[in-house]
Amino acid sequence: MLGGVALALAATPAMAQDGESDRAGDIQVKVLGTAVLPDGAITDITINLPGLPATTNTKASDNVTPTLAVEWFVTDNISIETIAGITQHDIDATAGLPVGAELVSNAKLIPATVTA
């Protein structure tokens, strides 16, 4: 299982000086960055696959990609946001098989995220 980290490079919300701020019904479209950086924290997995040695260890590649976010303000103070972006990864053997053996090629992760 791959761990994911979403990086949102946005400023902390603040009240505008002229009284103009997001209001109910407004929509914001933002470009963000999403990084999926597997850290290898999962250390013990039991897999019973024919032909796969029990001592197989793996390493998944890191990936950073641009992400599109769309936010809709339900009220002046409450909004719903979703993101869209795809990261691609390769998973290679680090032990138990020839080191560097490609186990998964071009795996694509699609974040299904909605926040409110």
PDB file of N, CA and C in Angstrom:
ATOM      1  N   MET A   1       0.855  -1.181   0.000  1.00  0.00           N
ATOM      2  CA  MET A   1       0.000   0.000   0.000  1.00  0.00           C
ATOM      3  C   MET A   1       0.890   1.230   0.000  1.00  0.00           C
ATOM      4  N   LEU A   2       0.541   2.170  -0.788  1.00  0.00           N
ATOM      5  CA  LEU A   2       1.344   3.379  -0.890  1.00  0.00           C
ATOM      6  C   LEU A   2       0.752   4.483  -0.035  1.00  0.00           C
ATOM      7  N   GLY A   3       1.610   5.185   0.654  1.00  0.00           N
ATOM      8  CA  GLY A   3       1.145   6.323   1.444  1.00  0.00           C
ATOM      9  C   GLY A   3       1.149   7.567   0.579  1.00  0.00           C
ATOM     10  N   GLY A   4       0.274   8.480   0.847  1.00  0.00           N
ATOM     11  CA  GLY A   4       0.173   9.682   0.014  1.00  0.00           C
ATOM     12  C   GLY A   4       0.245  10.940   0.841  1.00  0.00           C
ATOM     13  N   VAL A   5       0.811  11.936   0.258  1.00  0.00           N
ATOM     14  CA  VAL A   5       0.869  13.249   0.897  1.00  0.00           C
ATOM     15  C   VAL A   5       0.390  14.272  -0.116  1.00  0.00           C
ATOM     16  N   ALA A   6      -0.600  15.048   0.224  1.00  0.00           N
ATOM     17  CA  ALA A   6      -1.072  16.107  -0.684  1.00  0.00           C
ATOM     18  C   ALA A   6      -0.489  17.428  -0.208  1.00  0.00           C
ATOM     19  N   LEU A   7       0.152  18.134  -1.113  1.00  0.00           N
ATOM     20  CA  LEU A   7       0.720  19.440  -0.781  1.00  0.00           C
ATOM     21  C   LEU A   7      -0.153  20.523  -1.382  1.00  0.00           C
ATOM     22  N   ALA A   8      -0.769  21.309  -0.532  1.00  0.00           N
ATOM     23  CA  ALA A   8      -1.608  22.406  -1.014  1.00  0.00           C
ATOM     24  C   ALA A   8      -0.871  23.703  -0.734  1.00  0.00           C
ATOM     25  N   LEU A   9      -0.455  24.362  -1.788  1.00  0.00           N
ATOM     26  CA  LEU A   9       0.302  25.601  -1.641  1.00  0.00           C
ATOM     27  C   LEU A   9      -0.648  26.786  -1.709  1.00  0.00           C
ATOM     28  N   ALA A  10      -1.405  26.964  -0.647  1.00  0.00           N
ATOM     29  CA  ALA A  10      -2.394  28.044  -0.613  1.00  0.00           C
ATOM     30  C   ALA A  10      -2.200  28.850   0.668  1.00  0.00           C
ATOM     31  N   ALA A  11      -2.526  30.122   0.604  1.00  0.00           N
ATOM     32  CA  ALA A  11      -2.410  30.996   1.771  1.00  0.00           C
ATOM     33  C   ALA A  11      -3.542  30.725   2.746  1.00  0.00           C
ATOM     34  N   THR A  12      -3.302  31.026   4.002  1.00  0.00           N
ATOM     35  CA  THR A  12      -4.338  30.901   5.011  1.00  0.00           C
ATOM     36  C   THR A  12      -5.449  31.903   4.705  1.00  0.00           C
ATOM     37  N   PRO A  13      -6.705  31.473   4.787  1.00  0.00           N
ATOM     38  CA  PRO A  13      -7.797  32.402   4.480  1.00  0.00           C
ATOM     39  C   PRO A  13      -7.740  33.654   5.364  1.00  0.00           C
ATOM     40  N   ALA A  14      -8.033  34.782   4.771  1.00  0.00           N
ATOM     41  CA  ALA A  14      -8.040  36.046   5.506  1.00  0.00           C
ATOM     42  C   ALA A  14      -9.179  36.905   4.977  1.00  0.00           C
ATOM     43  N   MET A  15      -9.679  37.777   5.807  1.00  0.00           N
ATOM     44  CA  MET A  15     -10.746  38.676   5.395  1.00  0.00           C
ATOM     45  C   MET A  15     -10.168  39.773   4.504  1.00  0.00           C
ATOM     46  N   ALA A  16     -10.797  40.039   3.405  1.00  0.00           N
ATOM     47  CA  ALA A  16     -10.352  41.101   2.501  1.00  0.00           C
ATOM     48  C   ALA A  16     -10.662  42.455   3.124  1.00  0.00           C
ATOM     49  N   GLN A  17      -9.828  43.447   2.819  1.00  0.00           N
ATOM     50  CA  GLN A  17      -9.986  44.776   3.391  1.00  0.00           C
ATOM     51  C   GLN A  17     -11.227  45.494   2.875  1.00  0.00           C
ATOM     52  N   ASP A  18     -11.603  45.238   1.625  1.00  0.00           N
ATOM     53  CA  ASP A  18     -12.717  45.982   1.039  1.00  0.00           C
ATOM     54  C   ASP A  18     -14.069  45.292   1.241  1.00  0.00           C
ATOM     55  N   GLY A  19     -14.107  44.258   2.062  1.00  0.00           N
ATOM     56  CA  GLY A  19     -15.362  43.572   2.323  1.00  0.00           C
ATOM     57  C   GLY A  19     -15.685  42.515   1.281  1.00  0.00           C
ATOM     58  N   GLU A  20     -14.888  42.405   0.215  1.00  0.00           N
ATOM     59  CA  GLU A  20     -15.106  41.391  -0.809  1.00  0.00           C
ATOM     60  C   GLU A  20     -14.443  40.094  -0.365  1.00  0.00           C
ATOM     61  N   SER A  21     -15.203  39.044  -0.265  1.00  0.00           N
ATOM     62  CA  SER A  21     -14.662  37.721   0.029  1.00  0.00           C
ATOM     63  C   SER A  21     -15.554  36.709  -0.668  1.00  0.00           C
ATOM     64  N   ASP A  22     -15.197  35.456  -0.550  1.00  0.00           N
ATOM     65  CA  ASP A  22     -16.005  34.427  -1.197  1.00  0.00           C
ATOM     66  C   ASP A  22     -17.383  34.367  -0.551  1.00  0.00           C
ATOM     67  N   ARG A  23     -18.390  34.250  -1.386  1.00  0.00           N
ATOM     68  CA  ARG A  23     -19.774  34.224  -0.921  1.00  0.00           C
ATOM     69  C   ARG A  23     -20.442  32.954  -1.408  1.00  0.00           C
ATOM     70  N   ALA A  24     -21.550  32.619  -0.795  1.00  0.00           N
ATOM     71  CA  ALA A  24     -22.310  31.425  -1.173  1.00  0.00           C
ATOM     72  C   ALA A  24     -22.525  31.414  -2.683  1.00  0.00           C
ATOM     73  N   GLY A  25     -22.251  30.271  -3.299  1.00  0.00           N
ATOM     74  CA  GLY A  25     -22.425  30.134  -4.739  1.00  0.00           C
ATOM     75  C   GLY A  25     -21.159  30.384  -5.541  1.00  0.00           C
ATOM     76  N   ASP A  26     -20.131  31.015  -4.934  1.00  0.00           N
ATOM     77  CA  ASP A  26     -18.880  31.266  -5.646  1.00  0.00           C
ATOM     78  C   ASP A  26     -18.135  29.955  -5.887  1.00  0.00           C
ATOM     79  N   ILE A  27     -17.357  29.931  -6.963  1.00  0.00           N
ATOM     80  CA  ILE A  27     -16.533  28.770  -7.297  1.00  0.00           C
ATOM     81  C   ILE A  27     -15.101  29.247  -7.472  1.00  0.00           C
ATOM     82  N   GLN A  28     -14.162  28.519  -6.865  1.00  0.00           N
ATOM     83  CA  GLN A  28     -12.737  28.791  -7.040  1.00  0.00           C
ATOM     84  C   GLN A  28     -12.112  27.610  -7.759  1.00  0.00           C
ATOM     85  N   VAL A  29     -11.214  27.900  -8.686  1.00  0.00           N
ATOM     86  CA  VAL A  29     -10.439  26.868  -9.360  1.00  0.00           C
ATOM     87  C   VAL A  29      -8.980  27.164  -9.052  1.00  0.00           C
ATOM     88  N   LYS A  30      -8.264  26.140  -8.547  1.00  0.00           N
ATOM     89  CA  LYS A  30      -6.878  26.330  -8.126  1.00  0.00           C
ATOM     90  C   LYS A  30      -5.991  25.260  -8.751  1.00  0.00           C
ATOM     91  N   VAL A  31      -4.727  25.604  -8.948  1.00  0.00           N
ATOM     92  CA  VAL A  31      -3.729  24.631  -9.367  1.00  0.00           C
ATOM     93  C   VAL A  31      -2.808  24.414  -8.178  1.00  0.00           C
ATOM     94  N   LEU A  32      -2.680  23.163  -7.767  1.00  0.00           N
ATOM     95  CA  LEU A  32      -1.883  22.776  -6.605  1.00  0.00           C
ATOM     96  C   LEU A  32      -0.831  21.768  -7.046  1.00  0.00           C
ATOM     97  N   GLY A  33      -0.115  21.244  -6.098  1.00  0.00           N
ATOM     98  CA  GLY A  33       0.819  20.154  -6.352  1.00  0.00           C
ATOM     99  C   GLY A  33       0.491  18.993  -5.439  1.00  0.00           C
ATOM    100  N   THR A  34       0.542  17.775  -5.964  1.00  0.00           N
ATOM    101  CA  THR A  34       0.318  16.576  -5.162  1.00  0.00           C
ATOM    102  C   THR A  34       1.570  15.720  -5.231  1.00  0.00           C
ATOM    103  N   ALA A  35       2.052  15.299  -4.080  1.00  0.00           N
ATOM    104  CA  ALA A  35       3.225  14.426  -4.012  1.00  0.00           C
ATOM    105  C   ALA A  35       2.819  13.117  -3.352  1.00  0.00           C
ATOM    106  N   VAL A  36       3.131  12.006  -4.001  1.00  0.00           N
ATOM    107  CA  VAL A  36       2.956  10.686  -3.396  1.00  0.00           C
ATOM    108  C   VAL A  36       4.369  10.162  -3.171  1.00  0.00           C
ATOM    109  N   LEU A  37       4.741  10.068  -1.885  1.00  0.00           N
ATOM    110  CA  LEU A  37       6.101   9.721  -1.488  1.00  0.00           C
ATOM    111  C   LEU A  37       6.067   8.503  -0.567  1.00  0.00           C
ATOM    112  N   PRO A  38       6.009   7.292  -1.117  1.00  0.00           N
ATOM    113  CA  PRO A  38       5.957   6.095  -0.275  1.00  0.00           C
ATOM    114  C   PRO A  38       7.186   6.049   0.633  1.00  0.00           C
ATOM    115  N   ASP A  39       6.954   5.834   1.926  1.00  0.00           N
ATOM    116  CA  ASP A  39       8.062   5.874   2.879  1.00  0.00           C
ATOM    117  C   ASP A  39       8.522   4.505   3.349  1.00  0.00           C
ATOM    118  N   GLY A  40       7.892   3.439   2.904  1.00  0.00           N
ATOM    119  CA  GLY A  40       8.317   2.108   3.297  1.00  0.00           C
ATOM    120  C   GLY A  40       7.963   1.763   4.729  1.00  0.00           C
ATOM    121  N   ALA A  41       7.002   2.455   5.334  1.00  0.00           N
ATOM    122  CA  ALA A  41       6.645   2.229   6.731  1.00  0.00           C
ATOM    123  C   ALA A  41       5.980   0.869   6.963  1.00  0.00           C
ATOM    124  N   ILE A  42       5.394   0.272   5.940  1.00  0.00           N
ATOM    125  CA  ILE A  42       4.792  -1.051   6.096  1.00  0.00           C
ATOM    126  C   ILE A  42       5.917  -2.067   6.019  1.00  0.00           C
ATOM    127  N   THR A  43       6.127  -2.806   7.103  1.00  0.00           N
ATOM    128  CA  THR A  43       7.279  -3.704   7.165  1.00  0.00           C
ATOM    129  C   THR A  43       6.910  -5.178   7.166  1.00  0.00           C
ATOM    130  N   ASP A  44       5.659  -5.529   7.419  1.00  0.00           N
ATOM    131  CA  ASP A  44       5.299  -6.940   7.516  1.00  0.00           C
ATOM    132  C   ASP A  44       3.985  -7.192   6.781  1.00  0.00           C
ATOM    133  N   ILE A  45       4.078  -7.839   5.623  1.00  0.00           N
ATOM    134  CA  ILE A  45       2.898  -8.190   4.843  1.00  0.00           C
ATOM    135  C   ILE A  45       2.994  -9.670   4.499  1.00  0.00           C
ATOM    136  N   THR A  46       1.927 -10.409   4.717  1.00  0.00           N
ATOM    137  CA  THR A  46       1.900 -11.815   4.357  1.00  0.00           C
ATOM    138  C   THR A  46       1.216 -11.957   3.001  1.00  0.00           C
ATOM    139  N   ILE A  47       1.978 -12.427   2.026  1.00  0.00           N
ATOM    140  CA  ILE A  47       1.449 -12.625   0.677  1.00  0.00           C
ATOM    141  C   ILE A  47       1.699 -14.076   0.291  1.00  0.00           C
ATOM    142  N   ASN A  48       0.681 -14.731  -0.176  1.00  0.00           N
ATOM    143  CA  ASN A  48       0.814 -16.115  -0.591  1.00  0.00           C
ATOM    144  C   ASN A  48       0.568 -16.207  -2.100  1.00  0.00           C
ATOM    145  N   LEU A  49       1.532 -15.727  -2.857  1.00  0.00           N
ATOM    146  CA  LEU A  49       1.436 -15.786  -4.311  1.00  0.00           C
ATOM    147  C   LEU A  49       2.419 -16.816  -4.840  1.00  0.00           C
ATOM    148  N   PRO A  50       1.960 -17.752  -5.667  1.00  0.00           N
ATOM    149  CA  PRO A  50       2.884 -18.739  -6.247  1.00  0.00           C
ATOM    150  C   PRO A  50       4.004 -18.040  -7.019  1.00  0.00           C
ATOM    151  N   GLY A  51       5.216 -18.457  -6.793  1.00  0.00           N
ATOM    152  CA  GLY A  51       6.356 -17.911  -7.520  1.00  0.00           C
ATOM    153  C   GLY A  51       6.958 -16.667  -6.919  1.00  0.00           C
ATOM    154  N   LEU A  52       6.363 -16.113  -5.874  1.00  0.00           N
ATOM    155  CA  LEU A  52       6.902 -14.911  -5.235  1.00  0.00           C
ATOM    156  C   LEU A  52       7.532 -15.318  -3.903  1.00  0.00           C
ATOM    157  N   PRO A  53       8.866 -15.187  -3.784  1.00  0.00           N
ATOM    158  CA  PRO A  53       9.522 -15.583  -2.532  1.00  0.00           C
ATOM    159  C   PRO A  53       8.975 -14.818  -1.328  1.00  0.00           C
ATOM    160  N   ALA A  54       8.926 -15.503  -0.192  1.00  0.00           N
ATOM    161  CA  ALA A  54       8.393 -14.897   1.037  1.00  0.00           C
ATOM    162  C   ALA A  54       9.237 -13.722   1.510  1.00  0.00           C
ATOM    163  N   THR A  55      10.490 -13.660   1.093  1.00  0.00           N
ATOM    164  CA  THR A  55      11.389 -12.593   1.555  1.00  0.00           C
ATOM    165  C   THR A  55      11.416 -11.397   0.608  1.00  0.00           C
ATOM    166  N   THR A  56      10.461 -11.316  -0.302  1.00  0.00           N
ATOM    167  CA  THR A  56      10.460 -10.225  -1.280  1.00  0.00           C
ATOM    168  C   THR A  56      10.171  -8.884  -0.606  1.00  0.00           C
ATOM    169  N   ASN A  57      11.025  -7.907  -0.858  1.00  0.00           N
ATOM    170  CA  ASN A  57      10.817  -6.533  -0.415  1.00  0.00           C
ATOM    171  C   ASN A  57      10.711  -5.664  -1.655  1.00  0.00           C
ATOM    172  N   THR A  58       9.995  -4.544  -1.529  1.00  0.00           N
ATOM    173  CA  THR A  58       9.773  -3.689  -2.694  1.00  0.00           C
ATOM    174  C   THR A  58      10.058  -2.229  -2.376  1.00  0.00           C
ATOM    175  N   LYS A  59      10.205  -1.459  -3.433  1.00  0.00           N
ATOM    176  CA  LYS A  59      10.364  -0.004  -3.335  1.00  0.00           C
ATOM    177  C   LYS A  59       9.510   0.618  -4.430  1.00  0.00           C
ATOM    178  N   ALA A  60       8.622   1.537  -4.041  1.00  0.00           N
ATOM    179  CA  ALA A  60       7.788   2.244  -5.008  1.00  0.00           C
ATOM    180  C   ALA A  60       8.400   3.610  -5.285  1.00  0.00           C
ATOM    181  N   SER A  61       8.294   4.036  -6.528  1.00  0.00           N
ATOM    182  CA  SER A  61       8.871   5.328  -6.922  1.00  0.00           C
ATOM    183  C   SER A  61       8.034   6.491  -6.398  1.00  0.00           C
ATOM    184  N   ASP A  62       8.707   7.619  -6.152  1.00  0.00           N
ATOM    185  CA  ASP A  62       8.038   8.862  -5.757  1.00  0.00           C
ATOM    186  C   ASP A  62       7.517   9.558  -7.011  1.00  0.00           C
ATOM    187  N   ASN A  63       6.499  10.413  -6.826  1.00  0.00           N
ATOM    188  CA  ASN A  63       5.996  11.188  -7.956  1.00  0.00           C
ATOM    189  C   ASN A  63       5.319  12.452  -7.449  1.00  0.00           C
ATOM    190  N   VAL A  64       5.540  13.536  -8.158  1.00  0.00           N
ATOM    191  CA  VAL A  64       4.896  14.816  -7.875  1.00  0.00           C
ATOM    192  C   VAL A  64       4.221  15.260  -9.165  1.00  0.00           C
ATOM    193  N   THR A  65       2.984  15.731  -9.064  1.00  0.00           N
ATOM    194  CA  THR A  65       2.245  16.116 -10.262  1.00  0.00           C
ATOM    195  C   THR A  65       1.371  17.332  -9.982  1.00  0.00           C
ATOM    196  N   PRO A  66       1.096  18.144 -10.992  1.00  0.00           N
ATOM    197  CA  PRO A  66       0.145  19.241 -10.802  1.00  0.00           C
ATOM    198  C   PRO A  66      -1.256  18.689 -10.554  1.00  0.00           C
ATOM    199  N   THR A  67      -2.024  19.386  -9.777  1.00  0.00           N
ATOM    200  CA  THR A  67      -3.368  18.946  -9.414  1.00  0.00           C
ATOM    201  C   THR A  67      -4.338  20.113  -9.564  1.00  0.00           C
ATOM    202  N   LEU A  68      -5.485  19.835 -10.118  1.00  0.00           N
ATOM    203  CA  LEU A  68      -6.528  20.838 -10.267  1.00  0.00           C
ATOM    204  C   LEU A  68      -7.510  20.689  -9.107  1.00  0.00           C
ATOM    205  N   ALA A  69      -7.846  21.786  -8.446  1.00  0.00           N
ATOM    206  CA  ALA A  69      -8.811  21.768  -7.346  1.00  0.00           C
ATOM    207  C   ALA A  69      -9.965  22.697  -7.690  1.00  0.00           C
ATOM    208  N   VAL A  70     -11.180  22.244  -7.395  1.00  0.00           N
ATOM    209  CA  VAL A  70     -12.377  23.057  -7.599  1.00  0.00           C
ATOM    210  C   VAL A  70     -13.099  23.149  -6.257  1.00  0.00           C
ATOM    211  N   GLU A  71     -13.391  24.371  -5.832  1.00  0.00           N
ATOM    212  CA  GLU A  71     -14.045  24.615  -4.536  1.00  0.00           C
ATOM    213  C   GLU A  71     -15.324  25.410  -4.762  1.00  0.00           C
ATOM    214  N   TRP A  72     -16.417  24.940  -4.158  1.00  0.00           N
ATOM    215  CA  TRP A  72     -17.720  25.611  -4.262  1.00  0.00           C
ATOM    216  C   TRP A  72     -18.155  26.027  -2.866  1.00  0.00           C
ATOM    217  N   PHE A  73     -18.505  27.301  -2.727  1.00  0.00           N
ATOM    218  CA  PHE A  73     -18.928  27.821  -1.435  1.00  0.00           C
ATOM    219  C   PHE A  73     -20.421  27.589  -1.258  1.00  0.00           C
ATOM    220  N   VAL A  74     -20.774  26.715  -0.280  1.00  0.00           N
ATOM    221  CA  VAL A  74     -22.163  26.400   0.029  1.00  0.00           C
ATOM    222  C   VAL A  74     -22.793  27.596   0.735  1.00  0.00           C
ATOM    223  N   THR A  75     -22.061  28.149   1.691  1.00  0.00           N
ATOM    224  CA  THR A  75     -22.457  29.374   2.387  1.00  0.00           C
ATOM    225  C   THR A  75     -21.250  30.308   2.348  1.00  0.00           C
ATOM    226  N   ASP A  76     -21.352  31.462   2.977  1.00  0.00           N
ATOM    227  CA  ASP A  76     -20.216  32.377   3.016  1.00  0.00           C
ATOM    228  C   ASP A  76     -19.024  31.786   3.771  1.00  0.00           C
ATOM    229  N   ASN A  77     -19.266  30.815   4.666  1.00  0.00           N
ATOM    230  CA  ASN A  77     -18.208  30.276   5.515  1.00  0.00           C
ATOM    231  C   ASN A  77     -17.943  28.784   5.320  1.00  0.00           C
ATOM    232  N   ILE A  78     -18.722  28.104   4.519  1.00  0.00           N
ATOM    233  CA  ILE A  78     -18.562  26.652   4.332  1.00  0.00           C
ATOM    234  C   ILE A  78     -18.420  26.362   2.845  1.00  0.00           C
ATOM    235  N   SER A  79     -17.410  25.538   2.509  1.00  0.00           N
ATOM    236  CA  SER A  79     -17.196  25.181   1.108  1.00  0.00           C
ATOM    237  C   SER A  79     -16.909  23.690   0.971  1.00  0.00           C
ATOM    238  N   ILE A  80     -17.046  23.188  -0.250  1.00  0.00           N
ATOM    239  CA  ILE A  80     -16.730  21.805  -0.585  1.00  0.00           C
ATOM    240  C   ILE A  80     -15.690  21.862  -1.695  1.00  0.00           C
ATOM    241  N   GLU A  81     -14.615  21.075  -1.544  1.00  0.00           N
ATOM    242  CA  GLU A  81     -13.531  21.092  -2.518  1.00  0.00           C
ATOM    243  C   GLU A  81     -13.190  19.674  -2.952  1.00  0.00           C
ATOM    244  N   THR A  82     -12.858  19.499  -4.211  1.00  0.00           N
ATOM    245  CA  THR A  82     -12.383  18.211  -4.714  1.00  0.00           C
ATOM    246  C   THR A  82     -11.135  18.460  -5.545  1.00  0.00           C
ATOM    247  N   ILE A  83     -10.265  17.438  -5.609  1.00  0.00           N
ATOM    248  CA  ILE A  83      -9.040  17.569  -6.390  1.00  0.00           C
ATOM    249  C   ILE A  83      -9.002  16.509  -7.484  1.00  0.00           C
ATOM    250  N   ALA A  84      -8.267  16.805  -8.540  1.00  0.00           N
ATOM    251  CA  ALA A  84      -8.100  15.870  -9.644  1.00  0.00           C
ATOM    252  C   ALA A  84      -6.644  15.889 -10.088  1.00  0.00           C
ATOM    253  N   GLY A  85      -6.006  14.744 -10.011  1.00  0.00           N
ATOM    254  CA  GLY A  85      -4.622  14.602 -10.455  1.00  0.00           C
ATOM    255  C   GLY A  85      -4.256  13.129 -10.425  1.00  0.00           C
ATOM    256  N   ILE A  86      -3.343  12.724 -11.273  1.00  0.00           N
ATOM    257  CA  ILE A  86      -2.939  11.319 -11.350  1.00  0.00           C
ATOM    258  C   ILE A  86      -1.427  11.243 -11.177  1.00  0.00           C
ATOM    259  N   THR A  87      -0.976  10.350 -10.294  1.00  0.00           N
ATOM    260  CA  THR A  87       0.458  10.095 -10.157  1.00  0.00           C
ATOM    261  C   THR A  87       0.748   8.697 -10.694  1.00  0.00           C
ATOM    262  N   GLN A  88       1.944   8.545 -11.269  1.00  0.00           N
ATOM    263  CA  GLN A  88       2.344   7.267 -11.861  1.00  0.00           C
ATOM    264  C   GLN A  88       3.559   6.726 -11.111  1.00  0.00           C
ATOM    265  N   HIS A  89       3.564   5.399 -10.860  1.00  0.00           N
ATOM    266  CA  HIS A  89       4.622   4.785 -10.064  1.00  0.00           C
ATOM    267  C   HIS A  89       5.060   3.455 -10.656  1.00  0.00           C
ATOM    268  N   ASP A  90       6.309   3.111 -10.379  1.00  0.00           N
ATOM    269  CA  ASP A  90       6.846   1.784 -10.676  1.00  0.00           C
ATOM    270  C   ASP A  90       7.185   1.141  -9.337  1.00  0.00           C
ATOM    271  N   ILE A  91       6.986  -0.155  -9.233  1.00  0.00           N
ATOM    272  CA  ILE A  91       7.322  -0.881  -8.011  1.00  0.00           C
ATOM    273  C   ILE A  91       8.350  -1.938  -8.376  1.00  0.00           C
ATOM    274  N   ASP A  92       9.530  -1.849  -7.742  1.00  0.00           N
ATOM    275  CA  ASP A  92      10.652  -2.728  -8.040  1.00  0.00           C
ATOM    276  C   ASP A  92      11.020  -3.547  -6.815  1.00  0.00           C
ATOM    277  N   ALA A  93      11.620  -4.714  -7.048  1.00  0.00           N
ATOM    278  CA  ALA A  93      12.089  -5.574  -5.962  1.00  0.00           C
ATOM    279  C   ALA A  93      13.375  -5.006  -5.385  1.00  0.00           C
ATOM    280  N   THR A  94      13.520  -5.080  -4.055  1.00  0.00           N
ATOM    281  CA  THR A  94      14.763  -4.682  -3.402  1.00  0.00           C
ATOM    282  C   THR A  94      15.407  -5.855  -2.682  1.00  0.00           C
ATOM    283  N   ALA A  95      14.669  -6.962  -2.504  1.00  0.00           N
ATOM    284  CA  ALA A  95      15.204  -8.183  -1.885  1.00  0.00           C
ATOM    285  C   ALA A  95      14.253  -9.323  -2.211  1.00  0.00           C
ATOM    286  N   GLY A  96      14.794 -10.556  -2.210  1.00  0.00           N
ATOM    287  CA  GLY A  96      13.963 -11.734  -2.433  1.00  0.00           C
ATOM    288  C   GLY A  96      13.845 -12.111  -3.899  1.00  0.00           C
ATOM    289  N   LEU A  97      14.029 -11.195  -4.778  1.00  0.00           N
ATOM    290  CA  LEU A  97      14.073 -11.384  -6.228  1.00  0.00           C
ATOM    291  C   LEU A  97      15.320 -10.664  -6.709  1.00  0.00           C
ATOM    292  N   PRO A  98      15.694 -10.807  -7.956  1.00  0.00           N
ATOM    293  CA  PRO A  98      16.818  -9.990  -8.417  1.00  0.00           C
ATOM    294  C   PRO A  98      16.527  -8.505  -8.153  1.00  0.00           C
ATOM    295  N   VAL A  99      17.459  -7.842  -7.490  1.00  0.00           N
ATOM    296  CA  VAL A  99      17.272  -6.439  -7.138  1.00  0.00           C
ATOM    297  C   VAL A  99      17.017  -5.630  -8.411  1.00  0.00           C
ATOM    298  N   GLY A 100      15.988  -4.813  -8.370  1.00  0.00           N
ATOM    299  CA  GLY A 100      15.627  -3.993  -9.521  1.00  0.00           C
ATOM    300  C   GLY A 100      14.588  -4.634 -10.421  1.00  0.00           C
ATOM    301  N   ALA A 101      14.213  -5.894 -10.129  1.00  0.00           N
ATOM    302  CA  ALA A 101      13.177  -6.555 -10.942  1.00  0.00           C
ATOM    303  C   ALA A 101      11.889  -5.746 -10.840  1.00  0.00           C
ATOM    304  N   GLU A 102      11.311  -5.421 -11.980  1.00  0.00           N
ATOM    305  CA  GLU A 102      10.099  -4.606 -11.997  1.00  0.00           C
ATOM    306  C   GLU A 102       8.880  -5.482 -11.732  1.00  0.00           C
ATOM    307  N   LEU A 103       8.188  -5.221 -10.621  1.00  0.00           N
ATOM    308  CA  LEU A 103       7.011  -5.995 -10.251  1.00  0.00           C
ATOM    309  C   LEU A 103       5.741  -5.358 -10.789  1.00  0.00           C
ATOM    310  N   VAL A 104       5.676  -4.035 -10.757  1.00  0.00           N
ATOM    311  CA  VAL A 104       4.532  -3.294 -11.294  1.00  0.00           C
ATOM    312  C   VAL A 104       5.095  -2.142 -12.115  1.00  0.00           C
ATOM    313  N   SER A 105       4.610  -2.006 -13.328  1.00  0.00           N
ATOM    314  CA  SER A 105       5.069  -0.940 -14.211  1.00  0.00           C
ATOM    315  C   SER A 105       3.924   0.033 -14.483  1.00  0.00           C
ATOM    316  N   ASN A 106       4.188   1.306 -14.257  1.00  0.00           N
ATOM    317  CA  ASN A 106       3.227   2.364 -14.571  1.00  0.00           C
ATOM    318  C   ASN A 106       1.897   2.240 -13.834  1.00  0.00           C
ATOM    319  N   ALA A 107       1.948   1.986 -12.530  1.00  0.00           N
ATOM    320  CA  ALA A 107       0.730   2.008 -11.711  1.00  0.00           C
ATOM    321  C   ALA A 107       0.273   3.453 -11.591  1.00  0.00           C
ATOM    322  N   LYS A 108      -1.008   3.701 -11.766  1.00  0.00           N
ATOM    323  CA  LYS A 108      -1.545   5.057 -11.685  1.00  0.00           C
ATOM    324  C   LYS A 108      -2.450   5.183 -10.459  1.00  0.00           C
ATOM    325  N   LEU A 109      -2.218   6.219  -9.666  1.00  0.00           N
ATOM    326  CA  LEU A 109      -3.028   6.490  -8.490  1.00  0.00           C
ATOM    327  C   LEU A 109      -3.908   7.697  -8.772  1.00  0.00           C
ATOM    328  N   ILE A 110      -5.191   7.532  -8.522  1.00  0.00           N
ATOM    329  CA  ILE A 110      -6.152   8.611  -8.730  1.00  0.00           C
ATOM    330  C   ILE A 110      -6.754   8.961  -7.369  1.00  0.00           C
ATOM    331  N   PRO A 111      -6.465  10.158  -6.851  1.00  0.00           N
ATOM    332  CA  PRO A 111      -7.024  10.514  -5.550  1.00  0.00           C
ATOM    333  C   PRO A 111      -8.524  10.795  -5.639  1.00  0.00           C
ATOM    334  N   ALA A 112      -9.276  10.099  -4.844  1.00  0.00           N
ATOM    335  CA  ALA A 112     -10.722  10.353  -4.768  1.00  0.00           C
ATOM    336  C   ALA A 112     -10.950  11.150  -3.494  1.00  0.00           C
ATOM    337  N   THR A 113     -10.833  12.458  -3.586  1.00  0.00           N
ATOM    338  CA  THR A 113     -10.858  13.299  -2.403  1.00  0.00           C
ATOM    339  C   THR A 113     -11.909  14.398  -2.522  1.00  0.00           C
ATOM    340  N   VAL A 114     -12.755  14.488  -1.514  1.00  0.00           N
ATOM    341  CA  VAL A 114     -13.690  15.598  -1.382  1.00  0.00           C
ATOM    342  C   VAL A 114     -13.585  16.072   0.059  1.00  0.00           C
ATOM    343  N   THR A 115     -13.361  17.359   0.258  1.00  0.00           N
ATOM    344  CA  THR A 115     -13.286  17.919   1.606  1.00  0.00           C
ATOM    345  C   THR A 115     -14.356  18.976   1.780  1.00  0.00           C
ATOM    346  N   ALA A 116     -14.797  19.131   3.012  1.00  0.00           N
ATOM    347  CA  ALA A 116     -15.804  20.146   3.309  1.00  0.00           C
ATOM    348  C   ALA A 116     -15.369  20.928   4.529  1.00  0.00           C
TER     349      ALA A 116
END
